[in-house]
Every structure is written in structure tokens, then in C-alpha cells.
Amino acid sequence: MSIGAFDATSAYGRVLGATKLPKITEAETTPGAGSGFGWMIEKLVTDAAGNMRSAESASAKQVAGKGDLIDVVTAVGAAETALDTVVAVRDRMVNAYSEIMRMQI
């Protein structure tokens, strides 16, 4: 059984409690405002790095006694999910590149 990108996105949205997929804003679809695969990857990595920074910050606050454990667990969970997504996209890109390189001309 193969899980497509849309199925995975829908399942992720259901887990988050969303009933619909997020709407794409006009700024995300205009050609000059950042479109294409490179922009998507850049945004994905930037968001993942931001999630990791917020998890680290929440952990530091908890160690200092100023934070809440629930916030730490939530931030670490978000960072883990973001990192797993980046790794999955990287793996798919490497597999696609390998398959393209195996194609005969």
C-alpha cells in the first residue's frame, strides 16, 4: 500500500484537529513572492530550525525553573515532527535523484 502526499497531509491535518487543509494565500502563489520547489524546501528547513530553537528555549526555561513542562513537551514534539518531515523530504529527493540517474537516455 502506497501513501500519497495528499493522504499524508490529510492524516496530519486530522491529527492536528483541523477539519480542512490550510488555504494557500495569494502571496504564496504569486511567482515573485516565492514559489517553486526551492522556496518550499527553504521554508521547510527554516520552519524546522525555528521549531528547534523554540524547543531549546523552552527546555532552557524549564531547567531554570521558569517554564512549564507541558510547553517543553509540546515544543519538543513540534520540533521532532518538523525534523521528521525534513528527513522524509530529503529521503524522497535522494530516491528521486537516484532513479533519474538510473534512467537510460
PDB file of N, CA and C in Angstrom:
ATOM      1  N   MET A   1       0.842  -1.182   0.000  1.00  0.00           N
ATOM      2  CA  MET A   1       0.000   0.000   0.000  1.00  0.00           C
ATOM      3  C   MET A   1       0.881   1.237   0.000  1.00  0.00           C
ATOM      4  N   SER A   2       0.646   2.110  -0.919  1.00  0.00           N
ATOM      5  CA  SER A   2       1.428   3.328  -1.037  1.00  0.00           C
ATOM      6  C   SER A   2       0.616   4.504  -0.511  1.00  0.00           C
ATOM      7  N   ILE A   3       1.245   5.322   0.284  1.00  0.00           N
ATOM      8  CA  ILE A   3       0.586   6.505   0.824  1.00  0.00           C
ATOM      9  C   ILE A   3       1.058   7.705   0.028  1.00  0.00           C
ATOM     10  N   GLY A   4       0.124   8.406  -0.581  1.00  0.00           N
ATOM     11  CA  GLY A   4       0.454   9.576  -1.368  1.00  0.00           C
ATOM     12  C   GLY A   4       0.629  10.803  -0.497  1.00  0.00           C
ATOM     13  N   ALA A   5       1.133  11.863  -1.090  1.00  0.00           N
ATOM     14  CA  ALA A   5       1.379  13.107  -0.352  1.00  0.00           C
ATOM     15  C   ALA A   5       0.076  13.701   0.171  1.00  0.00           C
ATOM     16  N   PHE A   6      -0.984  13.635  -0.642  1.00  0.00           N
ATOM     17  CA  PHE A   6      -2.254  14.202  -0.198  1.00  0.00           C
ATOM     18  C   PHE A   6      -2.821  13.415   0.979  1.00  0.00           C
ATOM     19  N   ASP A   7      -2.708  12.082   0.934  1.00  0.00           N
ATOM     20  CA  ASP A   7      -3.186  11.261   2.043  1.00  0.00           C
ATOM     21  C   ASP A   7      -2.419  11.570   3.321  1.00  0.00           C
ATOM     22  N   ALA A   8      -1.117  11.723   3.202  1.00  0.00           N
ATOM     23  CA  ALA A   8      -0.294  12.032   4.371  1.00  0.00           C
ATOM     24  C   ALA A   8      -0.646  13.404   4.940  1.00  0.00           C
ATOM     25  N   THR A   9      -0.868  14.374   4.052  1.00  0.00           N
ATOM     26  CA  THR A   9      -1.238  15.714   4.501  1.00  0.00           C
ATOM     27  C   THR A   9      -2.602  15.703   5.182  1.00  0.00           C
ATOM     28  N   SER A  10      -3.531  14.964   4.629  1.00  0.00           N
ATOM     29  CA  SER A  10      -4.865  14.874   5.236  1.00  0.00           C
ATOM     30  C   SER A  10      -4.801  14.218   6.604  1.00  0.00           C
ATOM     31  N   ALA A  11      -4.024  13.159   6.719  1.00  0.00           N
ATOM     32  CA  ALA A  11      -3.890  12.479   8.009  1.00  0.00           C
ATOM     33  C   ALA A  11      -3.243  13.394   9.036  1.00  0.00           C
ATOM     34  N   TYR A  12      -2.233  14.139   8.615  1.00  0.00           N
ATOM     35  CA  TYR A  12      -1.568  15.067   9.523  1.00  0.00           C
ATOM     36  C   TYR A  12      -2.542  16.149   9.984  1.00  0.00           C
ATOM     37  N   GLY A  13      -3.364  16.641   9.060  1.00  0.00           N
ATOM     38  CA  GLY A  13      -4.354  17.648   9.419  1.00  0.00           C
ATOM     39  C   GLY A  13      -5.379  17.117  10.404  1.00  0.00           C
ATOM     40  N   ARG A  14      -5.788  15.844  10.229  1.00  0.00           N
ATOM     41  CA  ARG A  14      -6.743  15.251  11.180  1.00  0.00           C
ATOM     42  C   ARG A  14      -6.120  15.095  12.554  1.00  0.00           C
ATOM     43  N   VAL A  15      -4.843  14.758  12.603  1.00  0.00           N
ATOM     44  CA  VAL A  15      -4.166  14.611  13.883  1.00  0.00           C
ATOM     45  C   VAL A  15      -4.110  15.942  14.612  1.00  0.00           C
ATOM     46  N   LEU A  16      -3.890  17.002  13.878  1.00  0.00           N
ATOM     47  CA  LEU A  16      -3.825  18.320  14.489  1.00  0.00           C
ATOM     48  C   LEU A  16      -5.206  18.858  14.859  1.00  0.00           C
ATOM     49  N   GLY A  17      -6.250  18.156  14.446  1.00  0.00           N
ATOM     50  CA  GLY A  17      -7.595  18.594  14.772  1.00  0.00           C
ATOM     51  C   GLY A  17      -8.188  19.521  13.735  1.00  0.00           C
ATOM     52  N   ALA A  18      -7.501  19.708  12.631  1.00  0.00           N
ATOM     53  CA  ALA A  18      -8.014  20.574  11.571  1.00  0.00           C
ATOM     54  C   ALA A  18      -9.026  19.789  10.747  1.00  0.00           C
ATOM     55  N   THR A  19     -10.086  20.453  10.346  1.00  0.00           N
ATOM     56  CA  THR A  19     -11.072  19.787   9.515  1.00  0.00           C
ATOM     57  C   THR A  19     -10.783  20.001   8.044  1.00  0.00           C
ATOM     58  N   LYS A  20     -10.045  21.050   7.713  1.00  0.00           N
ATOM     59  CA  LYS A  20      -9.702  21.341   6.327  1.00  0.00           C
ATOM     60  C   LYS A  20      -8.199  21.557   6.230  1.00  0.00           C
ATOM     61  N   LEU A  21      -7.704  21.416   5.016  1.00  0.00           N
ATOM     62  CA  LEU A  21      -6.316  21.764   4.776  1.00  0.00           C
ATOM     63  C   LEU A  21      -6.196  23.277   4.799  1.00  0.00           C
ATOM     64  N   PRO A  22      -5.038  23.805   5.203  1.00  0.00           N
ATOM     65  CA  PRO A  22      -4.905  25.258   5.233  1.00  0.00           C
ATOM     66  C   PRO A  22      -5.019  25.857   3.842  1.00  0.00           C
ATOM     67  N   LYS A  23      -5.623  27.035   3.780  1.00  0.00           N
ATOM     68  CA  LYS A  23      -5.773  27.709   2.496  1.00  0.00           C
ATOM     69  C   LYS A  23      -4.440  28.305   2.081  1.00  0.00           C
ATOM     70  N   ILE A  24      -4.191  28.264   0.789  1.00  0.00           N
ATOM     71  CA  ILE A  24      -2.985  28.871   0.256  1.00  0.00           C
ATOM     72  C   ILE A  24      -3.287  30.326  -0.022  1.00  0.00           C
ATOM     73  N   THR A  25      -2.477  31.195   0.542  1.00  0.00           N
ATOM     74  CA  THR A  25      -2.718  32.616   0.363  1.00  0.00           C
ATOM     75  C   THR A  25      -2.204  33.071  -0.990  1.00  0.00           C
ATOM     76  N   GLU A  26      -2.642  34.256  -1.393  1.00  0.00           N
ATOM     77  CA  GLU A  26      -2.234  34.792  -2.690  1.00  0.00           C
ATOM     78  C   GLU A  26      -0.732  35.035  -2.730  1.00  0.00           C
ATOM     79  N   ALA A  27      -0.138  35.421  -1.599  1.00  0.00           N
ATOM     80  CA  ALA A  27       1.304  35.680  -1.561  1.00  0.00           C
ATOM     81  C   ALA A  27       2.097  34.408  -1.828  1.00  0.00           C
ATOM     82  N   GLU A  28       1.551  33.259  -1.460  1.00  0.00           N
ATOM     83  CA  GLU A  28       2.257  32.002  -1.666  1.00  0.00           C
ATOM     84  C   GLU A  28       2.160  31.526  -3.114  1.00  0.00           C
ATOM     85  N   THR A  29       1.206  32.046  -3.882  1.00  0.00           N
ATOM     86  CA  THR A  29       1.029  31.571  -5.247  1.00  0.00           C
ATOM     87  C   THR A  29       1.546  32.536  -6.298  1.00  0.00           C
ATOM     88  N   THR A  30       1.873  33.769  -5.930  1.00  0.00           N
ATOM     89  CA  THR A  30       2.390  34.702  -6.920  1.00  0.00           C
ATOM     90  C   THR A  30       3.833  34.338  -7.241  1.00  0.00           C
ATOM     91  N   PRO A  31       4.205  34.386  -8.518  1.00  0.00           N
ATOM     92  CA  PRO A  31       5.535  33.937  -8.914  1.00  0.00           C
ATOM     93  C   PRO A  31       6.679  34.693  -8.253  1.00  0.00           C
ATOM     94  N   GLY A  32       6.553  35.983  -8.060  1.00  0.00           N
ATOM     95  CA  GLY A  32       7.651  36.754  -7.480  1.00  0.00           C
ATOM     96  C   GLY A  32       7.768  36.614  -5.975  1.00  0.00           C
ATOM     97  N   ALA A  33       6.731  36.155  -5.306  1.00  0.00           N
ATOM     98  CA  ALA A  33       6.704  36.132  -3.848  1.00  0.00           C
ATOM     99  C   ALA A  33       7.222  34.825  -3.268  1.00  0.00           C
ATOM    100  N   GLY A  34       7.858  34.026  -4.051  1.00  0.00           N
ATOM    101  CA  GLY A  34       8.403  32.784  -3.534  1.00  0.00           C
ATOM    102  C   GLY A  34       7.557  31.608  -3.964  1.00  0.00           C
ATOM    103  N   SER A  35       7.923  31.023  -5.037  1.00  0.00           N
ATOM    104  CA  SER A  35       7.210  29.843  -5.482  1.00  0.00           C
ATOM    105  C   SER A  35       8.235  28.858  -6.001  1.00  0.00           C
ATOM    106  N   GLY A  36       7.820  27.658  -6.135  1.00  0.00           N
ATOM    107  CA  GLY A  36       8.713  26.650  -6.663  1.00  0.00           C
ATOM    108  C   GLY A  36       9.222  25.731  -5.579  1.00  0.00           C
ATOM    109  N   PHE A  37       9.892  24.726  -6.026  1.00  0.00           N
ATOM    110  CA  PHE A  37      10.373  23.686  -5.133  1.00  0.00           C
ATOM    111  C   PHE A  37      11.450  24.204  -4.185  1.00  0.00           C
ATOM    112  N   GLY A  38      12.364  25.017  -4.693  1.00  0.00           N
ATOM    113  CA  GLY A  38      13.441  25.555  -3.860  1.00  0.00           C
ATOM    114  C   GLY A  38      12.901  26.402  -2.720  1.00  0.00           C
ATOM    115  N   TRP A  39      11.909  27.218  -3.026  1.00  0.00           N
ATOM    116  CA  TRP A  39      11.310  28.055  -1.991  1.00  0.00           C
ATOM    117  C   TRP A  39      10.621  27.201  -0.938  1.00  0.00           C
ATOM    118  N   MET A  40       9.940  26.130  -1.386  1.00  0.00           N
ATOM    119  CA  MET A  40       9.258  25.243  -0.449  1.00  0.00           C
ATOM    120  C   MET A  40      10.262  24.579   0.496  1.00  0.00           C
ATOM    121  N   ILE A  41      11.375  24.108  -0.051  1.00  0.00           N
ATOM    122  CA  ILE A  41      12.396  23.467   0.776  1.00  0.00           C
ATOM    123  C   ILE A  41      13.008  24.469   1.744  1.00  0.00           C
ATOM    124  N   GLU A  42      13.273  25.676   1.264  1.00  0.00           N
ATOM    125  CA  GLU A  42      13.835  26.706   2.136  1.00  0.00           C
ATOM    126  C   GLU A  42      12.896  27.016   3.293  1.00  0.00           C
ATOM    127  N   LYS A  43      11.602  27.129   3.002  1.00  0.00           N
ATOM    128  CA  LYS A  43      10.604  27.407   4.050  1.00  0.00           C
ATOM    129  C   LYS A  43      10.509  26.240   5.026  1.00  0.00           C
ATOM    130  N   LEU A  44      10.574  25.023   4.514  1.00  0.00           N
ATOM    131  CA  LEU A  44      10.504  23.835   5.360  1.00  0.00           C
ATOM    132  C   LEU A  44      11.674  23.787   6.330  1.00  0.00           C
ATOM    133  N   VAL A  45      12.875  24.031   5.834  1.00  0.00           N
ATOM    134  CA  VAL A  45      14.064  23.995   6.684  1.00  0.00           C
ATOM    135  C   VAL A  45      14.057  25.149   7.682  1.00  0.00           C
ATOM    136  N   THR A  46      13.637  26.319   7.241  1.00  0.00           N
ATOM    137  CA  THR A  46      13.566  27.479   8.136  1.00  0.00           C
ATOM    138  C   THR A  46      12.568  27.248   9.261  1.00  0.00           C
ATOM    139  N   ASP A  47      11.407  26.700   8.929  1.00  0.00           N
ATOM    140  CA  ASP A  47      10.400  26.401   9.954  1.00  0.00           C
ATOM    141  C   ASP A  47      10.896  25.346  10.929  1.00  0.00           C
ATOM    142  N   ALA A  48      11.590  24.332  10.416  1.00  0.00           N
ATOM    143  CA  ALA A  48      12.122  23.283  11.283  1.00  0.00           C
ATOM    144  C   ALA A  48      13.168  23.861  12.239  1.00  0.00           C
ATOM    145  N   ALA A  49      14.028  24.730  11.721  1.00  0.00           N
ATOM    146  CA  ALA A  49      15.044  25.351  12.576  1.00  0.00           C
ATOM    147  C   ALA A  49      14.393  26.227  13.644  1.00  0.00           C
ATOM    148  N   GLY A  50      13.351  26.948  13.270  1.00  0.00           N
ATOM    149  CA  GLY A  50      12.628  27.767  14.250  1.00  0.00           C
ATOM    150  C   GLY A  50      11.974  26.923  15.332  1.00  0.00           C
ATOM    151  N   ASN A  51      11.393  25.792  14.940  1.00  0.00           N
ATOM    152  CA  ASN A  51      10.794  24.895  15.928  1.00  0.00           C
ATOM    153  C   ASN A  51      11.843  24.345  16.879  1.00  0.00           C
ATOM    154  N   MET A  52      13.017  24.028  16.357  1.00  0.00           N
ATOM    155  CA  MET A  52      14.084  23.503  17.213  1.00  0.00           C
ATOM    156  C   MET A  52      14.601  24.566  18.174  1.00  0.00           C
ATOM    157  N   ARG A  53      14.693  25.810  17.690  1.00  0.00           N
ATOM    158  CA  ARG A  53      15.111  26.898  18.575  1.00  0.00           C
ATOM    159  C   ARG A  53      14.099  27.126  19.698  1.00  0.00           C
ATOM    160  N   SER A  54      12.815  27.080  19.367  1.00  0.00           N
ATOM    161  CA  SER A  54      11.794  27.292  20.401  1.00  0.00           C
ATOM    162  C   SER A  54      11.784  26.133  21.396  1.00  0.00           C
ATOM    163  N   ALA A  55      12.052  24.915  20.934  1.00  0.00           N
ATOM    164  CA  ALA A  55      12.137  23.772  21.851  1.00  0.00           C
ATOM    165  C   ALA A  55      13.331  23.920  22.781  1.00  0.00           C
ATOM    166  N   GLU A  56      14.442  24.377  22.235  1.00  0.00           N
ATOM    167  CA  GLU A  56      15.633  24.589  23.059  1.00  0.00           C
ATOM    168  C   GLU A  56      15.393  25.689  24.085  1.00  0.00           C
ATOM    169  N   SER A  57      14.714  26.746  23.665  1.00  0.00           N
ATOM    170  CA  SER A  57      14.402  27.850  24.572  1.00  0.00           C
ATOM    171  C   SER A  57      13.460  27.399  25.689  1.00  0.00           C
ATOM    172  N   ALA A  58      12.445  26.618  25.336  1.00  0.00           N
ATOM    173  CA  ALA A  58      11.508  26.116  26.344  1.00  0.00           C
ATOM    174  C   ALA A  58      12.214  25.180  27.317  1.00  0.00           C
ATOM    175  N   SER A  59      13.131  24.369  26.815  1.00  0.00           N
ATOM    176  CA  SER A  59      13.891  23.465  27.691  1.00  0.00           C
ATOM    177  C   SER A  59      14.769  24.251  28.653  1.00  0.00           C
ATOM    178  N   ALA A  60      15.410  25.303  28.144  1.00  0.00           N
ATOM    179  CA  ALA A  60      16.262  26.131  28.999  1.00  0.00           C
ATOM    180  C   ALA A  60      15.440  26.817  30.089  1.00  0.00           C
ATOM    181  N   LYS A  61      14.241  27.288  29.736  1.00  0.00           N
ATOM    182  CA  LYS A  61      13.371  27.915  30.741  1.00  0.00           C
ATOM    183  C   LYS A  61      12.965  26.903  31.805  1.00  0.00           C
ATOM    184  N   GLN A  62      12.681  25.663  31.385  1.00  0.00           N
ATOM    185  CA  GLN A  62      12.284  24.625  32.337  1.00  0.00           C
ATOM    186  C   GLN A  62      13.431  24.295  33.285  1.00  0.00           C
ATOM    187  N   VAL A  63      14.632  24.206  32.752  1.00  0.00           N
ATOM    188  CA  VAL A  63      15.797  23.913  33.594  1.00  0.00           C
ATOM    189  C   VAL A  63      16.030  25.036  34.599  1.00  0.00           C
ATOM    190  N   ALA A  64      15.774  26.276  34.181  1.00  0.00           N
ATOM    191  CA  ALA A  64      15.941  27.419  35.076  1.00  0.00           C
ATOM    192  C   ALA A  64      14.785  27.546  36.063  1.00  0.00           C
ATOM    193  N   GLY A  65      13.759  26.717  35.895  1.00  0.00           N
ATOM    194  CA  GLY A  65      12.630  26.752  36.817  1.00  0.00           C
ATOM    195  C   GLY A  65      11.585  27.787  36.456  1.00  0.00           C
ATOM    196  N   LYS A  66      11.653  28.354  35.276  1.00  0.00           N
ATOM    197  CA  LYS A  66      10.721  29.402  34.883  1.00  0.00           C
ATOM    198  C   LYS A  66       9.711  28.940  33.840  1.00  0.00           C
ATOM    199  N   GLY A  67       9.837  27.706  33.377  1.00  0.00           N
ATOM    200  CA  GLY A  67       8.965  27.229  32.320  1.00  0.00           C
ATOM    201  C   GLY A  67       8.030  26.135  32.797  1.00  0.00           C
ATOM    202  N   ASP A  68       7.100  25.799  31.938  1.00  0.00           N
ATOM    203  CA  ASP A  68       6.131  24.757  32.231  1.00  0.00           C
ATOM    204  C   ASP A  68       6.517  23.503  31.446  1.00  0.00           C
ATOM    205  N   LEU A  69       6.392  22.357  32.073  1.00  0.00           N
ATOM    206  CA  LEU A  69       6.776  21.097  31.444  1.00  0.00           C
ATOM    207  C   LEU A  69       5.917  20.802  30.216  1.00  0.00           C
ATOM    208  N   ILE A  70       4.652  21.181  30.259  1.00  0.00           N
ATOM    209  CA  ILE A  70       3.763  20.968  29.108  1.00  0.00           C
ATOM    210  C   ILE A  70       4.277  21.726  27.893  1.00  0.00           C
ATOM    211  N   ASP A  71       4.744  22.962  28.098  1.00  0.00           N
ATOM    212  CA  ASP A  71       5.284  23.751  26.995  1.00  0.00           C
ATOM    213  C   ASP A  71       6.528  23.092  26.401  1.00  0.00           C
ATOM    214  N   VAL A  72       7.357  22.526  27.265  1.00  0.00           N
ATOM    215  CA  VAL A  72       8.571  21.850  26.790  1.00  0.00           C
ATOM    216  C   VAL A  72       8.207  20.642  25.940  1.00  0.00           C
ATOM    217  N   VAL A  73       7.285  19.833  26.426  1.00  0.00           N
ATOM    218  CA  VAL A  73       6.890  18.628  25.698  1.00  0.00           C
ATOM    219  C   VAL A  73       6.255  18.999  24.364  1.00  0.00           C
ATOM    220  N   THR A  74       5.421  20.016  24.349  1.00  0.00           N
ATOM    221  CA  THR A  74       4.775  20.457  23.111  1.00  0.00           C
ATOM    222  C   THR A  74       5.811  20.976  22.111  1.00  0.00           C
ATOM    223  N   ALA A  75       6.744  21.784  22.582  1.00  0.00           N
ATOM    224  CA  ALA A  75       7.768  22.345  21.698  1.00  0.00           C
ATOM    225  C   ALA A  75       8.692  21.255  21.153  1.00  0.00           C
ATOM    226  N   VAL A  76       9.060  20.313  22.006  1.00  0.00           N
ATOM    227  CA  VAL A  76       9.931  19.220  21.555  1.00  0.00           C
ATOM    228  C   VAL A  76       9.186  18.337  20.546  1.00  0.00           C
ATOM    229  N   GLY A  77       7.913  18.093  20.787  1.00  0.00           N
ATOM    230  CA  GLY A  77       7.107  17.309  19.844  1.00  0.00           C
ATOM    231  C   GLY A  77       7.001  17.990  18.491  1.00  0.00           C
ATOM    232  N   ALA A  78       6.797  19.303  18.492  1.00  0.00           N
ATOM    233  CA  ALA A  78       6.720  20.053  17.238  1.00  0.00           C
ATOM    234  C   ALA A  78       8.059  20.024  16.506  1.00  0.00           C
ATOM    235  N   ALA A  79       9.140  20.168  17.254  1.00  0.00           N
ATOM    236  CA  ALA A  79      10.466  20.124  16.635  1.00  0.00           C
ATOM    237  C   ALA A  79      10.761  18.741  16.059  1.00  0.00           C
ATOM    238  N   GLU A  80      10.356  17.692  16.764  1.00  0.00           N
ATOM    239  CA  GLU A  80      10.572  16.331  16.280  1.00  0.00           C
ATOM    240  C   GLU A  80       9.780  16.074  14.995  1.00  0.00           C
ATOM    241  N   THR A  81       8.544  16.539  14.963  1.00  0.00           N
ATOM    242  CA  THR A  81       7.718  16.380  13.772  1.00  0.00           C
ATOM    243  C   THR A  81       8.316  17.126  12.587  1.00  0.00           C
ATOM    244  N   ALA A  82       8.787  18.352  12.835  1.00  0.00           N
ATOM    245  CA  ALA A  82       9.401  19.137  11.764  1.00  0.00           C
ATOM    246  C   ALA A  82      10.664  18.462  11.244  1.00  0.00           C
ATOM    247  N   LEU A  83      11.478  17.939  12.143  1.00  0.00           N
ATOM    248  CA  LEU A  83      12.701  17.262  11.720  1.00  0.00           C
ATOM    249  C   LEU A  83      12.383  15.989  10.948  1.00  0.00           C
ATOM    250  N   ASP A  84      11.395  15.238  11.402  1.00  0.00           N
ATOM    251  CA  ASP A  84      10.986  14.032  10.677  1.00  0.00           C
ATOM    252  C   ASP A  84      10.497  14.368   9.268  1.00  0.00           C
ATOM    253  N   THR A  85       9.793  15.483   9.130  1.00  0.00           N
ATOM    254  CA  THR A  85       9.315  15.907   7.816  1.00  0.00           C
ATOM    255  C   THR A  85      10.479  16.266   6.901  1.00  0.00           C
ATOM    256  N   VAL A  86      11.451  17.008   7.434  1.00  0.00           N
ATOM    257  CA  VAL A  86      12.620  17.385   6.637  1.00  0.00           C
ATOM    258  C   VAL A  86      13.385  16.139   6.196  1.00  0.00           C
ATOM    259  N   VAL A  87      13.548  15.183   7.095  1.00  0.00           N
ATOM    260  CA  VAL A  87      14.271  13.952   6.758  1.00  0.00           C
ATOM    261  C   VAL A  87      13.505  13.149   5.708  1.00  0.00           C
ATOM    262  N   ALA A  88      12.187  13.094   5.828  1.00  0.00           N
ATOM    263  CA  ALA A  88      11.382  12.356   4.851  1.00  0.00           C
ATOM    264  C   ALA A  88      11.467  12.999   3.466  1.00  0.00           C
ATOM    265  N   VAL A  89      11.414  14.318   3.412  1.00  0.00           N
ATOM    266  CA  VAL A  89      11.530  15.017   2.120  1.00  0.00           C
ATOM    267  C   VAL A  89      12.918  14.791   1.534  1.00  0.00           C
ATOM    268  N   ARG A  90      13.936  14.859   2.374  1.00  0.00           N
ATOM    269  CA  ARG A  90      15.300  14.606   1.891  1.00  0.00           C
ATOM    270  C   ARG A  90      15.431  13.197   1.314  1.00  0.00           C
ATOM    271  N   ASP A  91      14.890  12.223   2.024  1.00  0.00           N
ATOM    272  CA  ASP A  91      14.958  10.837   1.545  1.00  0.00           C
ATOM    273  C   ASP A  91      14.253  10.671   0.205  1.00  0.00           C
ATOM    274  N   ARG A  92      13.095  11.308   0.064  1.00  0.00           N
ATOM    275  CA  ARG A  92      12.362  11.218  -1.205  1.00  0.00           C
ATOM    276  C   ARG A  92      13.135  11.892  -2.335  1.00  0.00           C
ATOM    277  N   MET A  93      13.793  13.010  -2.033  1.00  0.00           N
ATOM    278  CA  MET A  93      14.587  13.702  -3.040  1.00  0.00           C
ATOM    279  C   MET A  93      15.775  12.844  -3.472  1.00  0.00           C
ATOM    280  N   VAL A  94      16.443  12.219  -2.523  1.00  0.00           N
ATOM    281  CA  VAL A  94      17.589  11.366  -2.846  1.00  0.00           C
ATOM    282  C   VAL A  94      17.138  10.169  -3.682  1.00  0.00           C
ATOM    283  N   ASN A  95      16.010   9.565  -3.314  1.00  0.00           N
ATOM    284  CA  ASN A  95      15.482   8.440  -4.091  1.00  0.00           C
ATOM    285  C   ASN A  95      15.113   8.862  -5.512  1.00  0.00           C
ATOM    286  N   ALA A  96      14.495  10.034  -5.645  1.00  0.00           N
ATOM    287  CA  ALA A  96      14.131  10.519  -6.978  1.00  0.00           C
ATOM    288  C   ALA A  96      15.381  10.803  -7.807  1.00  0.00           C
ATOM    289  N   TYR A  97      16.385  11.408  -7.193  1.00  0.00           N
ATOM    290  CA  TYR A  97      17.626  11.679  -7.909  1.00  0.00           C
ATOM    291  C   TYR A  97      18.294  10.379  -8.354  1.00  0.00           C
ATOM    292  N   SER A  98      18.326   9.393  -7.473  1.00  0.00           N
ATOM    293  CA  SER A  98      18.926   8.102  -7.817  1.00  0.00           C
ATOM    294  C   SER A  98      18.183   7.445  -8.970  1.00  0.00           C
ATOM    295  N   GLU A  99      16.857   7.541  -8.942  1.00  0.00           N
ATOM    296  CA  GLU A  99      16.065   6.946 -10.019  1.00  0.00           C
ATOM    297  C   GLU A  99      16.283   7.670 -11.342  1.00  0.00           C
ATOM    298  N   ILE A 100      16.397   8.971 -11.294  1.00  0.00           N
ATOM    299  CA  ILE A 100      16.673   9.740 -12.514  1.00  0.00           C
ATOM    300  C   ILE A 100      18.040   9.376 -13.073  1.00  0.00           C
ATOM    301  N   MET A 101      19.005   9.209 -12.185  1.00  0.00           N
ATOM    302  CA  MET A 101      20.353   8.849 -12.646  1.00  0.00           C
ATOM    303  C   MET A 101      20.404   7.442 -13.248  1.00  0.00           C
ATOM    304  N   ARG A 102      19.503   6.557 -12.856  1.00  0.00           N
ATOM    305  CA  ARG A 102      19.448   5.215 -13.406  1.00  0.00           C
ATOM    306  C   ARG A 102      18.738   5.138 -14.743  1.00  0.00           C
ATOM    307  N   MET A 103      18.026   6.195 -15.108  1.00  0.00           N
ATOM    308  CA  MET A 103      17.292   6.190 -16.385  1.00  0.00           C
ATOM    309  C   MET A 103      18.262   6.154 -17.557  1.00  0.00           C
ATOM    310  N   GLN A 104      17.860   5.413 -18.555  1.00  0.00           N
ATOM    311  CA  GLN A 104      18.672   5.371 -19.765  1.00  0.00           C
ATOM    312  C   GLN A 104      18.223   6.455 -20.716  1.00  0.00           C
ATOM    313  N   ILE A 105      19.174   6.995 -21.404  1.00  0.00           N
ATOM    314  CA  ILE A 105      18.871   8.093 -22.335  1.00  0.00           C
ATOM    315  C   ILE A 105      18.521   7.526 -23.687  1.00  0.00           C
TER     316      ILE A 105
END
